N, C-alpha and C. Protein backbone atom coordinates (compact mmCIF):
# COMPACT_ATOMS: atom_id res chain seq x y z
N MET A 1 -35.72 -1.43 6.46
CA MET A 1 -35.47 -0.28 7.62
C MET A 1 -33.64 -0.71 6.77
N ASP A 2 -33.35 0.65 6.03
CA ASP A 2 -31.89 0.60 6.04
C ASP A 2 -30.89 1.92 7.19
N GLU A 3 -29.59 0.68 7.20
CA GLU A 3 -28.97 0.83 8.24
C GLU A 3 -27.69 1.12 7.09
N ARG A 4 -26.57 2.44 7.90
CA ARG A 4 -25.68 2.75 7.45
C ARG A 4 -24.33 1.87 8.14
N VAL A 5 -23.72 1.02 8.22
CA VAL A 5 -22.28 0.34 8.58
C VAL A 5 -21.39 1.22 8.02
N GLU A 6 -20.09 1.44 8.94
CA GLU A 6 -18.57 2.02 8.47
C GLU A 6 -17.89 0.83 8.60
N GLY A 7 -16.72 0.49 7.83
CA GLY A 7 -15.92 -0.32 7.93
C GLY A 7 -14.62 -0.03 8.04
N ARG A 8 -13.33 -1.15 6.73
CA ARG A 8 -12.02 -0.25 6.48
C ARG A 8 -11.86 -0.98 5.15
N ARG A 9 -11.72 -0.06 4.07
CA ARG A 9 -10.94 -0.82 2.69
C ARG A 9 -9.83 -1.50 3.01
N GLY A 10 -9.00 -2.49 2.15
CA GLY A 10 -8.06 -2.41 1.72
C GLY A 10 -7.31 -1.38 2.20
N ASP A 11 -6.91 -0.28 1.71
CA ASP A 11 -6.28 0.94 1.38
C ASP A 11 -6.13 1.92 3.06
N GLY A 12 -7.43 1.11 3.47
CA GLY A 12 -7.22 2.09 4.98
C GLY A 12 -7.70 3.04 5.07
N ALA A 13 -8.84 3.30 3.50
CA ALA A 13 -9.67 4.46 3.74
C ALA A 13 -10.95 4.17 4.47
N VAL A 14 -11.99 5.05 4.84
CA VAL A 14 -12.61 4.28 5.64
C VAL A 14 -14.10 4.49 4.37
N ALA A 15 -14.83 3.26 4.21
CA ALA A 15 -15.72 2.94 3.60
C ALA A 15 -16.88 2.88 4.50
N ARG A 16 -18.93 2.92 3.81
CA ARG A 16 -19.48 3.14 4.29
C ARG A 16 -20.06 2.29 3.59
N PHE A 17 -21.16 1.23 4.51
CA PHE A 17 -21.91 0.60 3.65
C PHE A 17 -23.72 0.46 4.50
N GLU A 18 -24.30 -0.12 3.21
CA GLU A 18 -25.74 0.40 3.75
C GLU A 18 -26.29 -1.37 3.83
N ARG A 19 -27.38 -1.09 5.38
CA ARG A 19 -27.82 -2.23 5.35
C ARG A 19 -28.98 -2.38 4.74
N HIS A 20 -29.67 -3.71 3.57
CA HIS A 20 -30.76 -3.17 3.21
C HIS A 20 -31.77 -4.06 3.76
N PRO A 21 -33.04 -3.81 4.05
CA PRO A 21 -33.49 -4.63 4.61
C PRO A 21 -33.58 -7.00 3.90
N ASP A 22 -33.60 -7.37 3.32
CA ASP A 22 -32.92 -8.61 2.54
C ASP A 22 -31.73 -8.69 3.67
N GLY A 23 -31.00 -7.77 4.52
CA GLY A 23 -29.62 -7.96 5.35
C GLY A 23 -28.59 -8.32 4.61
N THR A 24 -28.51 -7.47 2.86
CA THR A 24 -27.17 -7.40 2.08
C THR A 24 -26.30 -5.80 2.91
N LEU A 25 -25.41 -5.71 3.11
CA LEU A 25 -24.68 -5.06 1.96
C LEU A 25 -24.18 -4.40 1.41
N ARG A 26 -24.02 -2.78 0.52
CA ARG A 26 -23.97 -2.17 -0.08
C ARG A 26 -23.53 -1.08 -0.12
N TYR A 27 -21.99 -1.22 -0.70
CA TYR A 27 -21.51 0.17 -0.66
C TYR A 27 -22.05 1.55 -1.41
N VAL A 28 -21.34 2.63 -0.27
CA VAL A 28 -22.11 3.28 -0.71
C VAL A 28 -20.48 4.95 -1.60
N ARG A 29 -21.04 5.29 -2.20
CA ARG A 29 -19.65 6.33 -2.49
C ARG A 29 -20.12 7.09 -1.87
N PRO A 30 -18.64 7.05 -1.64
CA PRO A 30 -18.34 8.28 -0.81
C PRO A 30 -18.60 10.00 -1.79
N GLU A 31 -18.79 10.70 -0.13
CA GLU A 31 -18.98 11.97 -1.71
C GLU A 31 -17.94 12.47 -1.86
N GLU A 32 -17.76 13.03 -3.44
CA GLU A 32 -16.52 13.54 -4.27
C GLU A 32 -15.97 14.87 -2.85
N PRO A 33 -15.04 14.70 -3.09
CA PRO A 33 -14.10 15.87 -2.30
C PRO A 33 -13.96 17.35 -2.85
N LYS A 34 -13.43 18.94 -2.88
CA LYS A 34 -13.64 19.65 -3.35
C LYS A 34 -12.79 19.37 -4.26
N GLU A 35 -12.44 20.16 -5.15
CA GLU A 35 -11.98 19.59 -6.15
C GLU A 35 -10.31 20.54 -5.78
N ASP A 36 -10.38 21.00 -5.26
CA ASP A 36 -9.02 22.36 -4.86
C ASP A 36 -8.51 22.08 -3.46
N GLU A 37 -9.80 21.04 -2.78
CA GLU A 37 -8.78 20.75 -1.51
C GLU A 37 -7.65 20.04 -1.28
N PHE A 38 -6.40 20.53 -0.66
CA PHE A 38 -5.18 19.60 -0.33
C PHE A 38 -5.28 18.98 0.70
N PRO A 39 -4.42 17.64 0.16
CA PRO A 39 -4.38 16.81 1.65
C PRO A 39 -4.15 17.15 3.10
N MET A 40 -4.71 16.31 3.55
CA MET A 40 -4.24 17.09 4.74
C MET A 40 -3.73 15.88 5.47
N VAL A 41 -2.46 16.48 6.75
CA VAL A 41 -1.54 15.53 7.33
C VAL A 41 -2.88 14.95 8.87
N GLY A 42 -2.83 13.48 9.03
CA GLY A 42 -2.83 12.41 9.87
C GLY A 42 -2.09 11.31 10.30
N SER A 43 -2.31 11.50 11.77
CA SER A 43 -1.06 10.54 12.17
C SER A 43 -1.81 8.84 12.01
N GLY A 44 -0.92 7.94 11.90
CA GLY A 44 -1.54 6.72 11.91
C GLY A 44 -2.15 5.83 13.33
N ARG A 45 -1.46 6.87 14.25
CA ARG A 45 -2.20 6.25 15.75
C ARG A 45 -2.91 7.20 16.06
N HIS A 46 -3.23 8.30 16.04
CA HIS A 46 -4.11 9.16 16.29
C HIS A 46 -5.35 10.12 15.68
N GLU A 47 -5.58 8.96 14.58
CA GLU A 47 -6.35 9.63 13.75
C GLU A 47 -7.68 10.78 13.92
N ASP A 48 -7.70 10.74 14.75
CA ASP A 48 -9.11 12.11 14.86
C ASP A 48 -8.05 12.86 15.58
N GLU A 49 -6.72 13.40 15.60
CA GLU A 49 -6.31 14.26 16.41
C GLU A 49 -5.82 14.97 15.65
N LYS A 50 -5.62 17.18 16.17
CA LYS A 50 -5.05 17.18 15.52
C LYS A 50 -3.67 17.55 15.09
N ASN A 51 -3.13 17.87 14.06
CA ASN A 51 -1.90 18.16 14.32
C ASN A 51 -0.85 18.94 14.46
N GLY A 52 -1.66 20.08 13.60
CA GLY A 52 -0.88 21.15 13.73
C GLY A 52 0.16 22.02 13.61
N VAL A 53 1.06 21.67 15.27
CA VAL A 53 2.12 22.46 15.50
C VAL A 53 3.01 21.08 14.84
N GLN A 54 2.94 19.65 15.08
CA GLN A 54 3.43 18.53 14.43
C GLN A 54 3.70 18.66 12.84
N ALA A 55 2.69 18.97 12.37
CA ALA A 55 2.78 19.27 10.82
C ALA A 55 4.00 20.59 10.46
N ALA A 56 3.62 21.39 11.65
CA ALA A 56 4.50 23.27 11.25
C ALA A 56 6.04 22.48 11.36
N VAL A 57 6.26 22.16 12.97
CA VAL A 57 7.49 21.11 12.49
C VAL A 57 8.44 20.74 11.60
N ALA A 58 7.32 19.72 11.30
CA ALA A 58 8.16 18.50 10.30
C ALA A 58 7.76 19.47 8.81
N PHE A 59 7.25 20.29 8.32
CA PHE A 59 7.54 21.36 7.11
C PHE A 59 8.09 21.89 7.49
N VAL A 60 9.23 22.66 8.59
CA VAL A 60 10.69 23.77 8.81
C VAL A 60 11.77 22.58 8.94
N ILE A 61 11.18 21.31 9.70
CA ILE A 61 12.63 19.80 9.69
C ILE A 61 12.14 19.71 7.43
N ASP A 62 12.31 19.59 7.12
CA ASP A 62 11.96 18.59 5.36
C ASP A 62 12.31 20.25 5.24
N LEU A 63 11.76 21.84 5.43
CA LEU A 63 12.56 23.14 4.40
C LEU A 63 13.94 22.58 5.26
N ALA A 64 14.65 22.48 6.33
CA ALA A 64 15.69 22.77 6.67
C ALA A 64 16.64 21.96 5.35
N LEU A 65 16.43 20.64 5.43
CA LEU A 65 16.70 19.65 4.65
C LEU A 65 17.62 20.17 3.72
N HIS A 66 16.67 20.68 2.71
CA HIS A 66 16.13 20.76 1.28
C HIS A 66 17.51 21.81 1.31
N ALA A 67 17.36 22.57 2.46
CA ALA A 67 18.08 24.16 2.07
C ALA A 67 19.03 23.84 2.41
N ALA A 68 19.79 22.94 3.28
CA ALA A 68 21.12 22.51 3.30
C ALA A 68 21.86 21.22 2.59
N ILE A 69 20.92 21.12 1.87
CA ILE A 69 21.44 20.54 0.43
C ILE A 69 21.84 21.46 -0.32
N GLY A 70 21.20 21.95 -0.53
CA GLY A 70 21.67 23.48 -1.71
C GLY A 70 22.52 24.49 -0.96
N VAL A 71 23.05 24.87 -0.03
CA VAL A 71 24.21 25.23 0.81
C VAL A 71 25.27 24.50 0.49
N GLY A 72 25.06 23.10 0.53
CA GLY A 72 26.10 22.40 0.28
C GLY A 72 26.28 21.58 -0.90
N VAL A 73 26.06 22.03 -1.37
CA VAL A 73 25.75 21.77 -3.05
C VAL A 73 26.26 23.08 -3.75
N TRP A 74 26.28 24.24 -2.97
CA TRP A 74 27.07 26.05 -3.23
C TRP A 74 28.25 25.43 -2.84
N TYR A 75 28.35 24.87 -1.42
CA TYR A 75 29.63 25.24 -0.65
C TYR A 75 30.66 24.17 -1.83
N ALA A 76 29.95 22.85 -2.75
CA ALA A 76 31.19 22.63 -2.32
C ALA A 76 31.37 22.87 -4.22
N ALA A 77 30.56 23.84 -4.95
CA ALA A 77 30.66 23.86 -6.33
C ALA A 77 31.61 25.22 -6.43
N ASN A 78 31.54 26.18 -5.21
CA ASN A 78 32.29 26.81 -5.03
C ASN A 78 33.87 26.86 -4.13
N ARG A 79 34.11 25.66 -3.94
CA ARG A 79 35.24 25.24 -3.39
C ARG A 79 36.44 24.39 -4.38
N TYR A 80 35.12 23.58 -5.34
CA TYR A 80 36.20 22.67 -6.23
C TYR A 80 36.33 23.74 -7.84
N GLY A 81 35.78 24.84 -7.85
CA GLY A 81 36.29 25.39 -9.35
C GLY A 81 35.18 26.10 -10.14
N HIS A 82 33.87 26.16 -9.82
CA HIS A 82 32.86 26.58 -10.19
C HIS A 82 32.04 27.71 -9.78
N ALA A 83 32.80 28.77 -8.63
CA ALA A 83 32.64 30.15 -7.79
C ALA A 83 31.32 30.18 -9.12
N GLU A 84 31.65 30.48 -9.78
CA GLU A 84 30.39 31.03 -11.20
C GLU A 84 29.49 31.22 -10.92
N GLN A 85 29.42 29.30 -10.66
CA GLN A 85 27.85 29.15 -11.17
C GLN A 85 27.84 28.30 -9.77
N ALA A 86 28.65 29.06 -8.65
CA ALA A 86 27.74 28.18 -7.65
C ALA A 86 26.60 28.52 -6.45
N VAL A 87 25.64 29.55 -6.70
CA VAL A 87 24.70 29.90 -6.42
C VAL A 87 23.79 29.67 -7.27
N PHE A 88 23.59 29.54 -8.37
CA PHE A 88 22.95 28.46 -9.45
C PHE A 88 22.45 26.83 -8.96
N PHE A 89 23.38 26.51 -9.07
CA PHE A 89 23.93 25.17 -8.44
C PHE A 89 23.55 24.60 -7.03
N GLY A 90 24.07 25.14 -5.95
CA GLY A 90 23.60 25.47 -4.91
C GLY A 90 21.18 25.56 -5.02
N VAL A 91 20.93 26.11 -5.81
CA VAL A 91 19.47 26.71 -5.34
C VAL A 91 18.68 25.58 -6.41
N LEU A 92 19.38 25.06 -7.21
CA LEU A 92 19.28 24.12 -8.30
C LEU A 92 18.69 22.19 -7.60
N ALA A 93 19.59 22.51 -6.70
CA ALA A 93 19.89 21.49 -6.29
C ALA A 93 18.83 21.04 -4.88
N GLY A 94 18.83 22.41 -4.02
CA GLY A 94 17.60 22.57 -3.15
C GLY A 94 16.39 22.63 -3.66
N ILE A 95 16.22 23.08 -4.73
CA ILE A 95 14.43 22.85 -5.75
C ILE A 95 14.38 21.56 -5.88
N GLY A 96 15.24 20.57 -6.43
CA GLY A 96 15.13 19.02 -6.80
C GLY A 96 15.29 18.53 -5.58
N CYS A 97 15.83 18.20 -4.82
CA CYS A 97 15.70 17.56 -3.57
C CYS A 97 14.23 18.37 -3.41
N SER A 98 13.46 19.50 -3.17
CA SER A 98 12.57 19.84 -2.56
C SER A 98 11.23 19.13 -3.05
N PHE A 99 11.58 18.91 -4.11
CA PHE A 99 10.23 18.60 -5.30
C PHE A 99 10.50 16.87 -4.96
N LEU A 100 11.57 16.36 -5.21
CA LEU A 100 11.87 14.83 -5.49
C LEU A 100 11.96 14.47 -3.96
N HIS A 101 11.75 15.12 -2.92
CA HIS A 101 11.69 14.52 -1.66
C HIS A 101 10.17 14.62 -1.14
N ARG A 102 9.15 15.49 -1.25
CA ARG A 102 7.69 16.18 -0.83
C ARG A 102 6.50 15.33 -2.17
N THR A 103 7.86 14.64 -3.00
CA THR A 103 6.77 14.18 -4.55
C THR A 103 7.44 12.74 -4.62
N VAL A 104 8.09 12.23 -4.75
CA VAL A 104 8.71 10.89 -5.68
C VAL A 104 9.14 10.42 -4.10
N VAL A 105 9.16 11.08 -2.92
CA VAL A 105 9.59 9.81 -2.06
C VAL A 105 8.88 9.85 -0.51
N GLN A 106 7.44 10.64 -1.10
CA GLN A 106 6.73 10.78 -0.25
C GLN A 106 5.17 9.48 -0.13
N ARG A 107 5.32 10.03 -1.84
CA ARG A 107 4.57 9.01 -2.75
C ARG A 107 4.79 6.89 -2.10
N LEU A 108 6.49 7.34 -2.84
CA LEU A 108 6.92 5.39 -1.78
C LEU A 108 7.05 5.32 -0.76
N THR A 109 7.52 6.49 0.39
CA THR A 109 7.67 6.22 1.42
C THR A 109 5.74 6.89 2.38
N ARG A 110 4.85 7.61 1.39
CA ARG A 110 3.64 7.78 2.08
C ARG A 110 3.82 8.87 3.67
N THR A 111 5.36 9.50 3.62
CA THR A 111 5.68 10.02 4.85
C THR A 111 7.55 10.63 4.43
N THR A 112 7.15 12.27 5.08
CA THR A 112 8.96 12.90 4.10
C THR A 112 9.93 12.42 5.96
N LEU A 113 10.81 12.98 5.53
CA LEU A 113 11.73 12.69 6.61
C LEU A 113 11.04 13.69 7.60
N GLY A 114 10.91 15.06 8.10
CA GLY A 114 9.98 15.71 8.85
C GLY A 114 9.22 15.05 9.75
N LYS A 115 8.01 14.73 8.33
CA LYS A 115 6.40 14.10 9.16
C LYS A 115 6.72 12.84 9.72
N ALA A 116 7.80 12.07 8.99
CA ALA A 116 8.40 10.52 10.00
C ALA A 116 8.76 10.75 11.33
N LEU A 117 9.75 11.75 12.29
CA LEU A 117 9.95 11.56 12.94
C LEU A 117 8.80 12.13 14.11
N PHE A 118 7.68 12.54 13.93
CA PHE A 118 6.29 12.57 14.91
C PHE A 118 5.60 11.94 14.42
N GLY A 119 5.99 11.13 13.37
CA GLY A 119 5.32 9.74 12.96
C GLY A 119 3.91 10.21 11.77
N LEU A 120 3.76 10.97 11.44
CA LEU A 120 2.34 11.82 10.32
C LEU A 120 2.93 11.19 8.83
N ARG A 121 1.58 10.80 8.24
CA ARG A 121 1.80 10.55 6.93
C ARG A 121 0.29 11.57 6.24
N LEU A 122 0.54 11.79 5.21
CA LEU A 122 -0.46 13.07 3.74
C LEU A 122 -0.96 12.17 3.89
N ARG A 123 -2.60 12.15 4.15
CA ARG A 123 -3.41 12.02 4.05
C ARG A 123 -5.44 12.76 2.89
N LYS A 124 -5.57 11.74 2.38
CA LYS A 124 -6.92 13.19 1.83
C LYS A 124 -8.00 12.81 2.73
N THR A 125 -8.67 13.50 2.79
CA THR A 125 -10.10 14.13 3.69
C THR A 125 -11.06 12.63 4.38
N ASP A 126 -11.27 11.25 2.55
CA ASP A 126 -11.49 10.85 2.88
C ASP A 126 -10.67 9.38 3.02
N ARG A 127 -9.11 9.61 3.83
CA ARG A 127 -8.40 8.77 4.40
C ARG A 127 -7.80 8.01 3.75
N SER A 128 -7.38 8.54 2.36
CA SER A 128 -6.10 7.49 1.71
C SER A 128 -5.57 8.40 1.17
N TYR A 129 -4.92 7.94 0.63
CA TYR A 129 -3.60 8.47 0.60
C TYR A 129 -3.08 9.30 -0.35
N PRO A 130 -2.85 10.47 -1.15
CA PRO A 130 -2.75 11.18 -2.89
C PRO A 130 -1.96 10.06 -3.97
N THR A 131 -2.25 10.87 -4.85
CA THR A 131 -1.61 10.08 -5.36
C THR A 131 -0.05 10.98 -6.05
N LEU A 132 0.56 10.52 -6.87
CA LEU A 132 1.86 11.05 -7.36
C LEU A 132 1.55 12.94 -8.03
N TRP A 133 0.62 12.49 -8.82
CA TRP A 133 0.34 14.18 -9.59
C TRP A 133 -0.85 14.69 -8.62
N GLU A 134 -1.20 13.90 -7.68
CA GLU A 134 -1.81 15.37 -6.63
C GLU A 134 -0.26 15.99 -5.26
N LEU A 135 0.17 15.33 -5.59
CA LEU A 135 1.46 15.30 -4.63
C LEU A 135 2.93 16.61 -5.22
N VAL A 136 2.75 16.31 -6.70
CA VAL A 136 3.42 17.74 -7.66
C VAL A 136 2.23 18.91 -7.94
N ARG A 137 0.98 18.31 -8.18
CA ARG A 137 0.12 19.51 -7.90
C ARG A 137 0.41 20.80 -6.88
N GLN A 138 0.08 19.78 -5.65
CA GLN A 138 0.32 20.58 -4.19
C GLN A 138 1.78 21.45 -4.51
N TRP A 139 3.10 20.33 -4.58
CA TRP A 139 4.19 21.45 -4.45
C TRP A 139 4.24 22.44 -5.33
N PHE A 140 3.62 22.12 -6.68
CA PHE A 140 3.77 23.33 -7.91
C PHE A 140 3.13 24.46 -6.29
N GLN A 141 1.62 23.92 -6.83
CA GLN A 141 1.36 25.31 -5.51
C GLN A 141 1.62 25.61 -4.11
N GLY A 142 2.81 25.20 -3.90
CA GLY A 142 3.40 25.28 -2.56
C GLY A 142 4.64 26.02 -2.85
N ALA A 143 5.41 25.76 -4.61
CA ALA A 143 6.43 27.00 -4.95
C ALA A 143 6.06 28.08 -5.13
N ILE A 144 4.83 28.05 -5.76
CA ILE A 144 3.81 29.27 -6.44
C ILE A 144 3.24 30.43 -4.90
N ALA A 145 2.85 29.78 -4.23
CA ALA A 145 2.37 30.47 -2.93
C ALA A 145 4.02 30.76 -2.16
N CYS A 146 4.82 30.29 -2.07
CA CYS A 146 6.51 31.05 -1.60
C CYS A 146 6.99 31.86 -2.40
N MET A 147 6.52 32.47 -4.27
CA MET A 147 7.04 32.40 -4.76
C MET A 147 6.68 34.47 -4.94
N PHE A 148 5.14 34.40 -4.30
CA PHE A 148 4.70 34.77 -4.96
C PHE A 148 4.97 36.15 -3.69
N PRO A 149 5.61 36.25 -2.24
CA PRO A 149 5.69 37.09 -1.41
C PRO A 149 7.17 37.54 -1.68
N LEU A 150 8.24 36.86 -2.64
CA LEU A 150 9.61 37.65 -3.04
C LEU A 150 9.32 38.53 -3.90
N GLN A 151 8.68 38.60 -4.52
CA GLN A 151 8.53 39.57 -5.97
C GLN A 151 8.30 41.13 -5.06
N PHE A 152 7.94 41.12 -3.60
CA PHE A 152 7.60 41.93 -3.04
C PHE A 152 9.30 42.58 -2.73
N LEU A 153 10.07 41.88 -2.01
CA LEU A 153 11.13 41.91 -1.98
C LEU A 153 12.54 42.61 -2.70
N GLY A 154 12.35 42.14 -4.45
CA GLY A 154 13.24 42.49 -5.04
C GLY A 154 12.70 43.91 -5.99
């Protein structure tokens, strides 16, 4: 009689095993997630809890951090003799900070500053952490999604 058993792999992801009649356990490959599926935010302490409000506030905190760095660079460039390029430098610094923070830093620490304040980490549906390239793809998709409404303003 086959029996399914769940356990955890070394990277924290949930692993499923089947117990065969001879008593051995065999690993069962997880179902492949949909290709266009975004990673989700999960908490390390309460993995089944929905963290929608906390994730939204964490995103706003991260966005404010990126904007503050851009404004700081704009102010410094404007004050110290580069007034004609100050806006360009500020926008470039904000975008660069956003990219580095949400891709490289998040890959190394598995969280951003906003998520860390709530104890959240970005995980895929199979509970593994996203790769750097998945984070880069998600950042570009988010940047395109943010730019699309701006086209109607101008």
